[in-house]
mmCIF file of all heavy atoms, coordinates in Angstrom:
data_MODEL
# 
_entry.id   MODEL 
# 
loop_
_atom_site.group_PDB 
_atom_site.id 
_atom_site.type_symbol 
_atom_site.label_atom_id 
_atom_site.label_alt_id 
_atom_site.label_comp_id 
_atom_site.label_asym_id 
_atom_site.label_entity_id 
_atom_site.label_seq_id 
_atom_site.pdbx_PDB_ins_code 
_atom_site.Cartn_x 
_atom_site.Cartn_y 
_atom_site.Cartn_z 
_atom_site.occupancy 
_atom_site.B_iso_or_equiv 
_atom_site.pdbx_formal_charge 
_atom_site.auth_seq_id 
_atom_site.auth_comp_id 
_atom_site.auth_asym_id 
_atom_site.auth_atom_id 
_atom_site.pdbx_PDB_model_num 
ATOM 1   N N   . ARG A 1 1  ? 10.148 89.136  24.728 1.00 0.00 ? 1  ARG A N   1 
ATOM 2   C CA  . ARG A 1 1  ? 11.106 90.242  24.817 1.00 0.00 ? 1  ARG A CA  1 
ATOM 3   C C   . ARG A 1 1  ? 10.468 91.593  24.501 1.00 0.00 ? 1  ARG A C   1 
ATOM 4   O O   . ARG A 1 1  ? 11.088 92.630  24.720 1.00 0.00 ? 1  ARG A O   1 
ATOM 5   C CB  . ARG A 1 1  ? 12.289 89.993  23.879 1.00 0.00 ? 1  ARG A CB  1 
ATOM 6   C CG  . ARG A 1 1  ? 13.150 88.811  24.299 1.00 0.00 ? 1  ARG A CG  1 
ATOM 7   C CD  . ARG A 1 1  ? 14.371 88.648  23.410 1.00 0.00 ? 1  ARG A CD  1 
ATOM 8   N NE  . ARG A 1 1  ? 15.228 87.600  23.938 1.00 0.00 ? 1  ARG A NE  1 
ATOM 9   C CZ  . ARG A 1 1  ? 15.108 86.297  23.650 1.00 0.00 ? 1  ARG A CZ  1 
ATOM 10  N NH1 . ARG A 1 1  ? 14.149 85.898  22.815 1.00 0.00 ? 1  ARG A NH1 1 
ATOM 11  N NH2 . ARG A 1 1  ? 15.910 85.407  24.185 1.00 0.00 ? 1  ARG A NH2 1 
ATOM 12  N N   . GLU A 1 2  ? 9.273  91.549  23.967 1.00 0.00 ? 2  GLU A N   1 
ATOM 13  C CA  . GLU A 1 2  ? 8.628  92.814  23.605 1.00 0.00 ? 2  GLU A CA  1 
ATOM 14  C C   . GLU A 1 2  ? 7.117  92.641  23.680 1.00 0.00 ? 2  GLU A C   1 
ATOM 15  O O   . GLU A 1 2  ? 6.597  91.541  23.514 1.00 0.00 ? 2  GLU A O   1 
ATOM 16  C CB  . GLU A 1 2  ? 9.060  93.264  22.204 1.00 0.00 ? 2  GLU A CB  1 
ATOM 17  C CG  . GLU A 1 2  ? 8.704  94.691  21.895 1.00 0.00 ? 2  GLU A CG  1 
ATOM 18  C CD  . GLU A 1 2  ? 9.418  95.221  20.652 1.00 0.00 ? 2  GLU A CD  1 
ATOM 19  O OE1 . GLU A 1 2  ? 10.305 94.517  20.113 1.00 0.00 ? 2  GLU A OE1 1 
ATOM 20  O OE2 . GLU A 1 2  ? 9.089  96.341  20.242 1.00 0.00 ? 2  GLU A OE2 1 
ATOM 21  N N   . SER A 1 3  ? 6.440  93.736  23.895 1.00 0.00 ? 3  SER A N   1 
ATOM 22  C CA  . SER A 1 3  ? 5.012  93.749  24.166 1.00 0.00 ? 3  SER A CA  1 
ATOM 23  C C   . SER A 1 3  ? 4.370  94.906  23.409 1.00 0.00 ? 3  SER A C   1 
ATOM 24  O O   . SER A 1 3  ? 5.052  95.699  22.752 1.00 0.00 ? 3  SER A O   1 
ATOM 25  C CB  . SER A 1 3  ? 4.826  93.931  25.685 1.00 0.00 ? 3  SER A CB  1 
ATOM 26  O OG  . SER A 1 3  ? 3.512  94.274  26.029 1.00 0.00 ? 3  SER A OG  1 
ATOM 27  N N   . ARG A 1 4  ? 3.053  94.991  23.492 1.00 0.00 ? 4  ARG A N   1 
ATOM 28  C CA  . ARG A 1 4  ? 2.442  96.284  23.195 1.00 0.00 ? 4  ARG A CA  1 
ATOM 29  C C   . ARG A 1 4  ? 3.077  97.296  24.149 1.00 0.00 ? 4  ARG A C   1 
ATOM 30  O O   . ARG A 1 4  ? 3.325  96.986  25.316 1.00 0.00 ? 4  ARG A O   1 
ATOM 31  C CB  . ARG A 1 4  ? 0.943  96.240  23.440 1.00 0.00 ? 4  ARG A CB  1 
ATOM 32  C CG  . ARG A 1 4  ? 0.161  95.256  22.568 1.00 0.00 ? 4  ARG A CG  1 
ATOM 33  C CD  . ARG A 1 4  ? -1.301 95.305  22.962 1.00 0.00 ? 4  ARG A CD  1 
ATOM 34  N NE  . ARG A 1 4  ? -2.138 94.380  22.223 1.00 0.00 ? 4  ARG A NE  1 
ATOM 35  C CZ  . ARG A 1 4  ? -2.429 93.137  22.607 1.00 0.00 ? 4  ARG A CZ  1 
ATOM 36  N NH1 . ARG A 1 4  ? -1.904 92.653  23.732 1.00 0.00 ? 4  ARG A NH1 1 
ATOM 37  N NH2 . ARG A 1 4  ? -3.220 92.362  21.876 1.00 0.00 ? 4  ARG A NH2 1 
ATOM 38  N N   . ARG A 1 5  ? 3.307  98.499  23.676 1.00 0.00 ? 5  ARG A N   1 
ATOM 39  C CA  . ARG A 1 5  ? 3.986  99.497  24.510 1.00 0.00 ? 5  ARG A CA  1 
ATOM 40  C C   . ARG A 1 5  ? 3.106  100.745 24.619 1.00 0.00 ? 5  ARG A C   1 
ATOM 41  O O   . ARG A 1 5  ? 2.688  101.320 23.618 1.00 0.00 ? 5  ARG A O   1 
ATOM 42  C CB  . ARG A 1 5  ? 5.351  99.845  23.905 1.00 0.00 ? 5  ARG A CB  1 
ATOM 43  C CG  . ARG A 1 5  ? 6.336  98.685  23.965 1.00 0.00 ? 5  ARG A CG  1 
ATOM 44  C CD  . ARG A 1 5  ? 7.596  98.942  23.149 1.00 0.00 ? 5  ARG A CD  1 
ATOM 45  N NE  . ARG A 1 5  ? 7.381  98.764  21.718 1.00 0.00 ? 5  ARG A NE  1 
ATOM 46  C CZ  . ARG A 1 5  ? 7.430  99.728  20.823 1.00 0.00 ? 5  ARG A CZ  1 
ATOM 47  N NH1 . ARG A 1 5  ? 7.700  100.977 21.186 1.00 0.00 ? 5  ARG A NH1 1 
ATOM 48  N NH2 . ARG A 1 5  ? 7.221  99.469  19.544 1.00 0.00 ? 5  ARG A NH2 1 
ATOM 49  N N   . LEU A 1 6  ? 2.829  101.110 25.839 1.00 0.00 ? 6  LEU A N   1 
ATOM 50  C CA  . LEU A 1 6  ? 1.973  102.250 26.136 1.00 0.00 ? 6  LEU A CA  1 
ATOM 51  C C   . LEU A 1 6  ? 2.462  103.533 25.443 1.00 0.00 ? 6  LEU A C   1 
ATOM 52  O O   . LEU A 1 6  ? 3.662  103.759 25.314 1.00 0.00 ? 6  LEU A O   1 
ATOM 53  C CB  . LEU A 1 6  ? 1.962  102.482 27.648 1.00 0.00 ? 6  LEU A CB  1 
ATOM 54  C CG  . LEU A 1 6  ? 1.233  103.722 28.174 1.00 0.00 ? 6  LEU A CG  1 
ATOM 55  C CD1 . LEU A 1 6  ? -0.267 103.533 28.070 1.00 0.00 ? 6  LEU A CD1 1 
ATOM 56  C CD2 . LEU A 1 6  ? 1.649  103.986 29.627 1.00 0.00 ? 6  LEU A CD2 1 
ATOM 57  N N   . VAL A 1 7  ? 1.522  104.361 25.026 1.00 0.00 ? 7  VAL A N   1 
ATOM 58  C CA  . VAL A 1 7  ? 1.825  105.755 24.692 1.00 0.00 ? 7  VAL A CA  1 
ATOM 59  C C   . VAL A 1 7  ? 1.646  106.534 25.993 1.00 0.00 ? 7  VAL A C   1 
ATOM 60  O O   . VAL A 1 7  ? 0.520  106.785 26.433 1.00 0.00 ? 7  VAL A O   1 
ATOM 61  C CB  . VAL A 1 7  ? 0.905  106.289 23.590 1.00 0.00 ? 7  VAL A CB  1 
ATOM 62  C CG1 . VAL A 1 7  ? 1.203  107.768 23.336 1.00 0.00 ? 7  VAL A CG1 1 
ATOM 63  C CG2 . VAL A 1 7  ? 1.080  105.477 22.307 1.00 0.00 ? 7  VAL A CG2 1 
ATOM 64  N N   . GLY A 1 8  ? 2.743  106.866 26.641 1.00 0.00 ? 8  GLY A N   1 
ATOM 65  C CA  . GLY A 1 8  ? 2.689  107.458 27.967 1.00 0.00 ? 8  GLY A CA  1 
ATOM 66  C C   . GLY A 1 8  ? 3.041  108.929 27.995 1.00 0.00 ? 8  GLY A C   1 
ATOM 67  O O   . GLY A 1 8  ? 3.352  109.547 26.962 1.00 0.00 ? 8  GLY A O   1 
ATOM 68  N N   . LEU A 1 9  ? 3.016  109.477 29.191 1.00 0.00 ? 9  LEU A N   1 
ATOM 69  C CA  . LEU A 1 9  ? 3.380  110.879 29.367 1.00 0.00 ? 9  LEU A CA  1 
ATOM 70  C C   . LEU A 1 9  ? 4.818  111.130 28.953 1.00 0.00 ? 9  LEU A C   1 
ATOM 71  O O   . LEU A 1 9  ? 5.164  112.224 28.494 1.00 0.00 ? 9  LEU A O   1 
ATOM 72  C CB  . LEU A 1 9  ? 3.188  111.276 30.838 1.00 0.00 ? 9  LEU A CB  1 
ATOM 73  C CG  . LEU A 1 9  ? 1.761  111.226 31.377 1.00 0.00 ? 9  LEU A CG  1 
ATOM 74  C CD1 . LEU A 1 9  ? 1.760  111.588 32.863 1.00 0.00 ? 9  LEU A CD1 1 
ATOM 75  C CD2 . LEU A 1 9  ? 0.851  112.168 30.598 1.00 0.00 ? 9  LEU A CD2 1 
ATOM 76  N N   . THR A 1 10 ? 5.669  110.129 29.138 1.00 0.00 ? 10 THR A N   1 
ATOM 77  C CA  . THR A 1 10 ? 7.074  110.199 28.748 1.00 0.00 ? 10 THR A CA  1 
ATOM 78  C C   . THR A 1 10 ? 7.414  108.915 28.013 1.00 0.00 ? 10 THR A C   1 
ATOM 79  O O   . THR A 1 10 ? 6.860  107.858 28.330 1.00 0.00 ? 10 THR A O   1 
ATOM 80  C CB  . THR A 1 10 ? 7.986  110.331 29.986 1.00 0.00 ? 10 THR A CB  1 
ATOM 81  O OG1 . THR A 1 10 ? 7.575  111.453 30.750 1.00 0.00 ? 10 THR A OG1 1 
ATOM 82  C CG2 . THR A 1 10 ? 9.444  110.476 29.599 1.00 0.00 ? 10 THR A CG2 1 
ATOM 83  N N   . THR A 1 11 ? 8.306  108.990 27.047 1.00 0.00 ? 11 THR A N   1 
ATOM 84  C CA  . THR A 1 11 ? 8.753  107.795 26.329 1.00 0.00 ? 11 THR A CA  1 
ATOM 85  C C   . THR A 1 11 ? 10.267 107.678 26.442 1.00 0.00 ? 11 THR A C   1 
ATOM 86  O O   . THR A 1 11 ? 10.997 108.642 26.188 1.00 0.00 ? 11 THR A O   1 
ATOM 87  C CB  . THR A 1 11 ? 8.350  107.858 24.842 1.00 0.00 ? 11 THR A CB  1 
ATOM 88  O OG1 . THR A 1 11 ? 6.920  107.909 24.740 1.00 0.00 ? 11 THR A OG1 1 
ATOM 89  C CG2 . THR A 1 11 ? 8.854  106.635 24.091 1.00 0.00 ? 11 THR A CG2 1 
ATOM 90  N N   . VAL A 1 12 ? 10.720 106.499 26.838 1.00 0.00 ? 12 VAL A N   1 
ATOM 91  C CA  . VAL A 1 12 ? 12.153 106.237 26.908 1.00 0.00 ? 12 VAL A CA  1 
ATOM 92  C C   . VAL A 1 12 ? 12.656 105.947 25.501 1.00 0.00 ? 12 VAL A C   1 
ATOM 93  O O   . VAL A 1 12 ? 12.174 105.038 24.828 1.00 0.00 ? 12 VAL A O   1 
ATOM 94  C CB  . VAL A 1 12 ? 12.462 105.041 27.834 1.00 0.00 ? 12 VAL A CB  1 
ATOM 95  C CG1 . VAL A 1 12 ? 13.958 104.778 27.871 1.00 0.00 ? 12 VAL A CG1 1 
ATOM 96  C CG2 . VAL A 1 12 ? 11.933 105.300 29.239 1.00 0.00 ? 12 VAL A CG2 1 
ATOM 97  N N   . ARG A 1 13 ? 13.637 106.739 25.055 1.00 0.00 ? 13 ARG A N   1 
ATOM 98  C CA  . ARG A 1 13 ? 14.218 106.588 23.720 1.00 0.00 ? 13 ARG A CA  1 
ATOM 99  C C   . ARG A 1 13 ? 15.641 106.059 23.843 1.00 0.00 ? 13 ARG A C   1 
ATOM 100 O O   . ARG A 1 13 ? 16.218 106.005 24.933 1.00 0.00 ? 13 ARG A O   1 
ATOM 101 C CB  . ARG A 1 13 ? 14.230 107.935 22.996 1.00 0.00 ? 13 ARG A CB  1 
ATOM 102 C CG  . ARG A 1 13 ? 12.910 108.711 23.030 1.00 0.00 ? 13 ARG A CG  1 
ATOM 103 C CD  . ARG A 1 13 ? 13.187 110.187 22.810 1.00 0.00 ? 13 ARG A CD  1 
ATOM 104 N NE  . ARG A 1 13 ? 14.124 110.691 23.808 1.00 0.00 ? 13 ARG A NE  1 
ATOM 105 C CZ  . ARG A 1 13 ? 14.827 111.809 23.694 1.00 0.00 ? 13 ARG A CZ  1 
ATOM 106 N NH1 . ARG A 1 13 ? 14.697 112.566 22.613 1.00 0.00 ? 13 ARG A NH1 1 
ATOM 107 N NH2 . ARG A 1 13 ? 15.656 112.190 24.650 1.00 0.00 ? 13 ARG A NH2 1 
ATOM 108 N N   . GLU A 1 14 ? 16.221 105.728 22.706 1.00 0.00 ? 14 GLU A N   1 
ATOM 109 C CA  . GLU A 1 14 ? 17.596 105.220 22.731 1.00 0.00 ? 14 GLU A CA  1 
ATOM 110 C C   . GLU A 1 14 ? 18.551 106.234 23.346 1.00 0.00 ? 14 GLU A C   1 
ATOM 111 O O   . GLU A 1 14 ? 19.456 105.867 24.096 1.00 0.00 ? 14 GLU A O   1 
ATOM 112 C CB  . GLU A 1 14 ? 18.049 104.858 21.308 1.00 0.00 ? 14 GLU A CB  1 
ATOM 113 C CG  . GLU A 1 14 ? 19.429 104.205 21.283 1.00 0.00 ? 14 GLU A CG  1 
ATOM 114 C CD  . GLU A 1 14 ? 19.907 103.877 19.886 1.00 0.00 ? 14 GLU A CD  1 
ATOM 115 O OE1 . GLU A 1 14 ? 19.403 104.491 18.910 1.00 0.00 ? 14 GLU A OE1 1 
ATOM 116 O OE2 . GLU A 1 14 ? 20.799 103.017 19.755 1.00 0.00 ? 14 GLU A OE2 1 
ATOM 117 N N   . GLN A 1 15 ? 18.356 107.518 23.055 1.00 0.00 ? 15 GLN A N   1 
ATOM 118 C CA  . GLN A 1 15 ? 19.248 108.539 23.617 1.00 0.00 ? 15 GLN A CA  1 
ATOM 119 C C   . GLN A 1 15 ? 19.223 108.537 25.143 1.00 0.00 ? 15 GLN A C   1 
ATOM 120 O O   . GLN A 1 15 ? 20.195 108.950 25.783 1.00 0.00 ? 15 GLN A O   1 
ATOM 121 C CB  . GLN A 1 15 ? 18.834 109.936 23.122 1.00 0.00 ? 15 GLN A CB  1 
ATOM 122 C CG  . GLN A 1 15 ? 18.892 110.119 21.620 1.00 0.00 ? 15 GLN A CG  1 
ATOM 123 C CD  . GLN A 1 15 ? 17.554 109.858 20.965 1.00 0.00 ? 15 GLN A CD  1 
ATOM 124 O OE1 . GLN A 1 15 ? 16.923 108.848 21.247 1.00 0.00 ? 15 GLN A OE1 1 
ATOM 125 N NE2 . GLN A 1 15 ? 17.119 110.769 20.086 1.00 0.00 ? 15 GLN A NE2 1 
ATOM 126 N N   . ASP A 1 16 ? 18.134 108.076 25.728 1.00 0.00 ? 16 ASP A N   1 
ATOM 127 C CA  . ASP A 1 16 ? 17.982 108.105 27.177 1.00 0.00 ? 16 ASP A CA  1 
ATOM 128 C C   . ASP A 1 16 ? 18.711 106.975 27.876 1.00 0.00 ? 16 ASP A C   1 
ATOM 129 O O   . ASP A 1 16 ? 18.820 106.985 29.108 1.00 0.00 ? 16 ASP A O   1 
ATOM 130 C CB  . ASP A 1 16 ? 16.497 108.054 27.548 1.00 0.00 ? 16 ASP A CB  1 
ATOM 131 C CG  . ASP A 1 16 ? 15.715 109.193 26.934 1.00 0.00 ? 16 ASP A CG  1 
ATOM 132 O OD1 . ASP A 1 16 ? 16.213 110.333 26.949 1.00 0.00 ? 16 ASP A OD1 1 
ATOM 133 O OD2 . ASP A 1 16 ? 14.601 108.940 26.415 1.00 0.00 ? 16 ASP A OD2 1 
ATOM 134 N N   . ILE A 1 17 ? 19.192 105.992 27.111 1.00 0.00 ? 17 ILE A N   1 
ATOM 135 C CA  . ILE A 1 17 ? 19.900 104.863 27.720 1.00 0.00 ? 17 ILE A CA  1 
ATOM 136 C C   . ILE A 1 17 ? 21.379 104.834 27.328 1.00 0.00 ? 17 ILE A C   1 
ATOM 137 O O   . ILE A 1 17 ? 22.126 103.980 27.825 1.00 0.00 ? 17 ILE A O   1 
ATOM 138 C CB  . ILE A 1 17 ? 19.243 103.521 27.351 1.00 0.00 ? 17 ILE A CB  1 
ATOM 139 C CG1 . ILE A 1 17 ? 19.323 103.273 25.842 1.00 0.00 ? 17 ILE A CG1 1 
ATOM 140 C CG2 . ILE A 1 17 ? 17.795 103.482 27.843 1.00 0.00 ? 17 ILE A CG2 1 
ATOM 141 C CD1 . ILE A 1 17 ? 18.866 101.899 25.414 1.00 0.00 ? 17 ILE A CD1 1 
ATOM 142 N N   . LEU A 1 18 ? 21.811 105.749 26.465 1.00 0.00 ? 18 LEU A N   1 
ATOM 143 C CA  . LEU A 1 18 ? 23.203 105.796 26.017 1.00 0.00 ? 18 LEU A CA  1 
ATOM 144 C C   . LEU A 1 18 ? 24.032 106.679 26.948 1.00 0.00 ? 18 LEU A C   1 
ATOM 145 O O   . LEU A 1 18 ? 23.508 107.598 27.578 1.00 0.00 ? 18 LEU A O   1 
ATOM 146 C CB  . LEU A 1 18 ? 23.287 106.336 24.593 1.00 0.00 ? 18 LEU A CB  1 
ATOM 147 C CG  . LEU A 1 18 ? 22.632 105.491 23.509 1.00 0.00 ? 18 LEU A CG  1 
ATOM 148 C CD1 . LEU A 1 18 ? 22.717 106.198 22.158 1.00 0.00 ? 18 LEU A CD1 1 
ATOM 149 C CD2 . LEU A 1 18 ? 23.275 104.112 23.430 1.00 0.00 ? 18 LEU A CD2 1 
ATOM 150 N N   . PRO A 1 19 ? 25.336 106.428 27.048 1.00 0.00 ? 19 PRO A N   1 
ATOM 151 C CA  . PRO A 1 19 ? 26.174 107.237 27.941 1.00 0.00 ? 19 PRO A CA  1 
ATOM 152 C C   . PRO A 1 19 ? 26.298 108.677 27.464 1.00 0.00 ? 19 PRO A C   1 
ATOM 153 O O   . PRO A 1 19 ? 26.308 108.961 26.261 1.00 0.00 ? 19 PRO A O   1 
ATOM 154 C CB  . PRO A 1 19 ? 27.526 106.515 27.897 1.00 0.00 ? 19 PRO A CB  1 
ATOM 155 C CG  . PRO A 1 19 ? 27.537 105.777 26.598 1.00 0.00 ? 19 PRO A CG  1 
ATOM 156 C CD  . PRO A 1 19 ? 26.114 105.366 26.358 1.00 0.00 ? 19 PRO A CD  1 
ATOM 157 N N   . VAL A 1 20 ? 26.391 109.595 28.431 1.00 0.00 ? 20 VAL A N   1 
ATOM 158 C CA  . VAL A 1 20 ? 26.645 110.992 28.097 1.00 0.00 ? 20 VAL A CA  1 
ATOM 159 C C   . VAL A 1 20 ? 28.050 111.106 27.510 1.00 0.00 ? 20 VAL A C   1 
ATOM 160 O O   . VAL A 1 20 ? 28.898 110.230 27.704 1.00 0.00 ? 20 VAL A O   1 
ATOM 161 C CB  . VAL A 1 20 ? 26.498 111.892 29.339 1.00 0.00 ? 20 VAL A CB  1 
ATOM 162 C CG1 . VAL A 1 20 ? 25.082 111.838 29.873 1.00 0.00 ? 20 VAL A CG1 1 
ATOM 163 C CG2 . VAL A 1 20 ? 27.496 111.486 30.425 1.00 0.00 ? 20 VAL A CG2 1 
ATOM 164 N N   . ALA A 1 21 ? 28.310 112.160 26.800 1.00 0.00 ? 21 ALA A N   1 
ATOM 165 C CA  . ALA A 1 21 ? 29.609 112.338 26.146 1.00 0.00 ? 21 ALA A CA  1 
ATOM 166 C C   . ALA A 1 21 ? 30.741 112.263 27.167 1.00 0.00 ? 21 ALA A C   1 
ATOM 167 O O   . ALA A 1 21 ? 30.746 112.992 28.162 1.00 0.00 ? 21 ALA A O   1 
ATOM 168 C CB  . ALA A 1 21 ? 29.649 113.677 25.414 1.00 0.00 ? 21 ALA A CB  1 
ATOM 169 N N   . GLY A 1 22 ? 31.674 111.354 26.924 1.00 0.00 ? 22 GLY A N   1 
ATOM 170 C CA  . GLY A 1 22 ? 32.826 111.214 27.809 1.00 0.00 ? 22 GLY A CA  1 
ATOM 171 C C   . GLY A 1 22 ? 32.514 110.555 29.139 1.00 0.00 ? 22 GLY A C   1 
ATOM 172 O O   . GLY A 1 22 ? 33.380 110.513 30.028 1.00 0.00 ? 22 GLY A O   1 
ATOM 173 N N   . GLY A 1 23 ? 31.308 110.014 29.300 1.00 0.00 ? 23 GLY A N   1 
ATOM 174 C CA  . GLY A 1 23 ? 30.912 109.457 30.588 1.00 0.00 ? 23 GLY A CA  1 
ATOM 175 C C   . GLY A 1 23 ? 30.596 107.980 30.528 1.00 0.00 ? 23 GLY A C   1 
ATOM 176 O O   . GLY A 1 23 ? 30.743 107.318 29.497 1.00 0.00 ? 23 GLY A O   1 
ATOM 177 N N   . ARG A 1 24 ? 30.129 107.471 31.670 1.00 0.00 ? 24 ARG A N   1 
ATOM 178 C CA  . ARG A 1 24 ? 29.781 106.059 31.794 1.00 0.00 ? 24 ARG A CA  1 
ATOM 179 C C   . ARG A 1 24 ? 28.335 105.860 32.241 1.00 0.00 ? 24 ARG A C   1 
ATOM 180 O O   . ARG A 1 24 ? 27.939 104.738 32.557 1.00 0.00 ? 24 ARG A O   1 
ATOM 181 C CB  . ARG A 1 24 ? 30.707 105.366 32.808 1.00 0.00 ? 24 ARG A CB  1 
ATOM 182 C CG  . ARG A 1 24 ? 32.189 105.432 32.487 1.00 0.00 ? 24 ARG A CG  1 
ATOM 183 C CD  . ARG A 1 24 ? 32.982 104.540 33.423 1.00 0.00 ? 24 ARG A CD  1 
ATOM 184 N NE  . ARG A 1 24 ? 32.752 104.904 34.829 1.00 0.00 ? 24 ARG A NE  1 
ATOM 185 C CZ  . ARG A 1 24 ? 33.228 104.200 35.866 1.00 0.00 ? 24 ARG A CZ  1 
ATOM 186 N NH1 . ARG A 1 24 ? 33.945 103.110 35.649 1.00 0.00 ? 24 ARG A NH1 1 
ATOM 187 N NH2 . ARG A 1 24 ? 32.991 104.594 37.104 1.00 0.00 ? 24 ARG A NH2 1 
ATOM 188 N N   . VAL A 1 25 ? 27.554 106.933 32.289 1.00 0.00 ? 25 VAL A N   1 
ATOM 189 C CA  . VAL A 1 25 ? 26.150 106.851 32.690 1.00 0.00 ? 25 VAL A CA  1 
ATOM 190 C C   . VAL A 1 25 ? 25.287 107.584 31.681 1.00 0.00 ? 25 VAL A C   1 
ATOM 191 O O   . VAL A 1 25 ? 25.753 108.492 30.984 1.00 0.00 ? 25 VAL A O   1 
ATOM 192 C CB  . VAL A 1 25 ? 25.939 107.457 34.095 1.00 0.00 ? 25 VAL A CB  1 
ATOM 193 C CG1 . VAL A 1 25 ? 26.669 106.655 35.160 1.00 0.00 ? 25 VAL A CG1 1 
ATOM 194 C CG2 . VAL A 1 25 ? 26.373 108.922 34.128 1.00 0.00 ? 25 VAL A CG2 1 
# 
């Protein structure tokens, strides 16, 4: 379920997968 994870140009954080305020995406 988890691996070594690259230090990349961009990092996906929890905020990036949560819905926008009042939204569904």
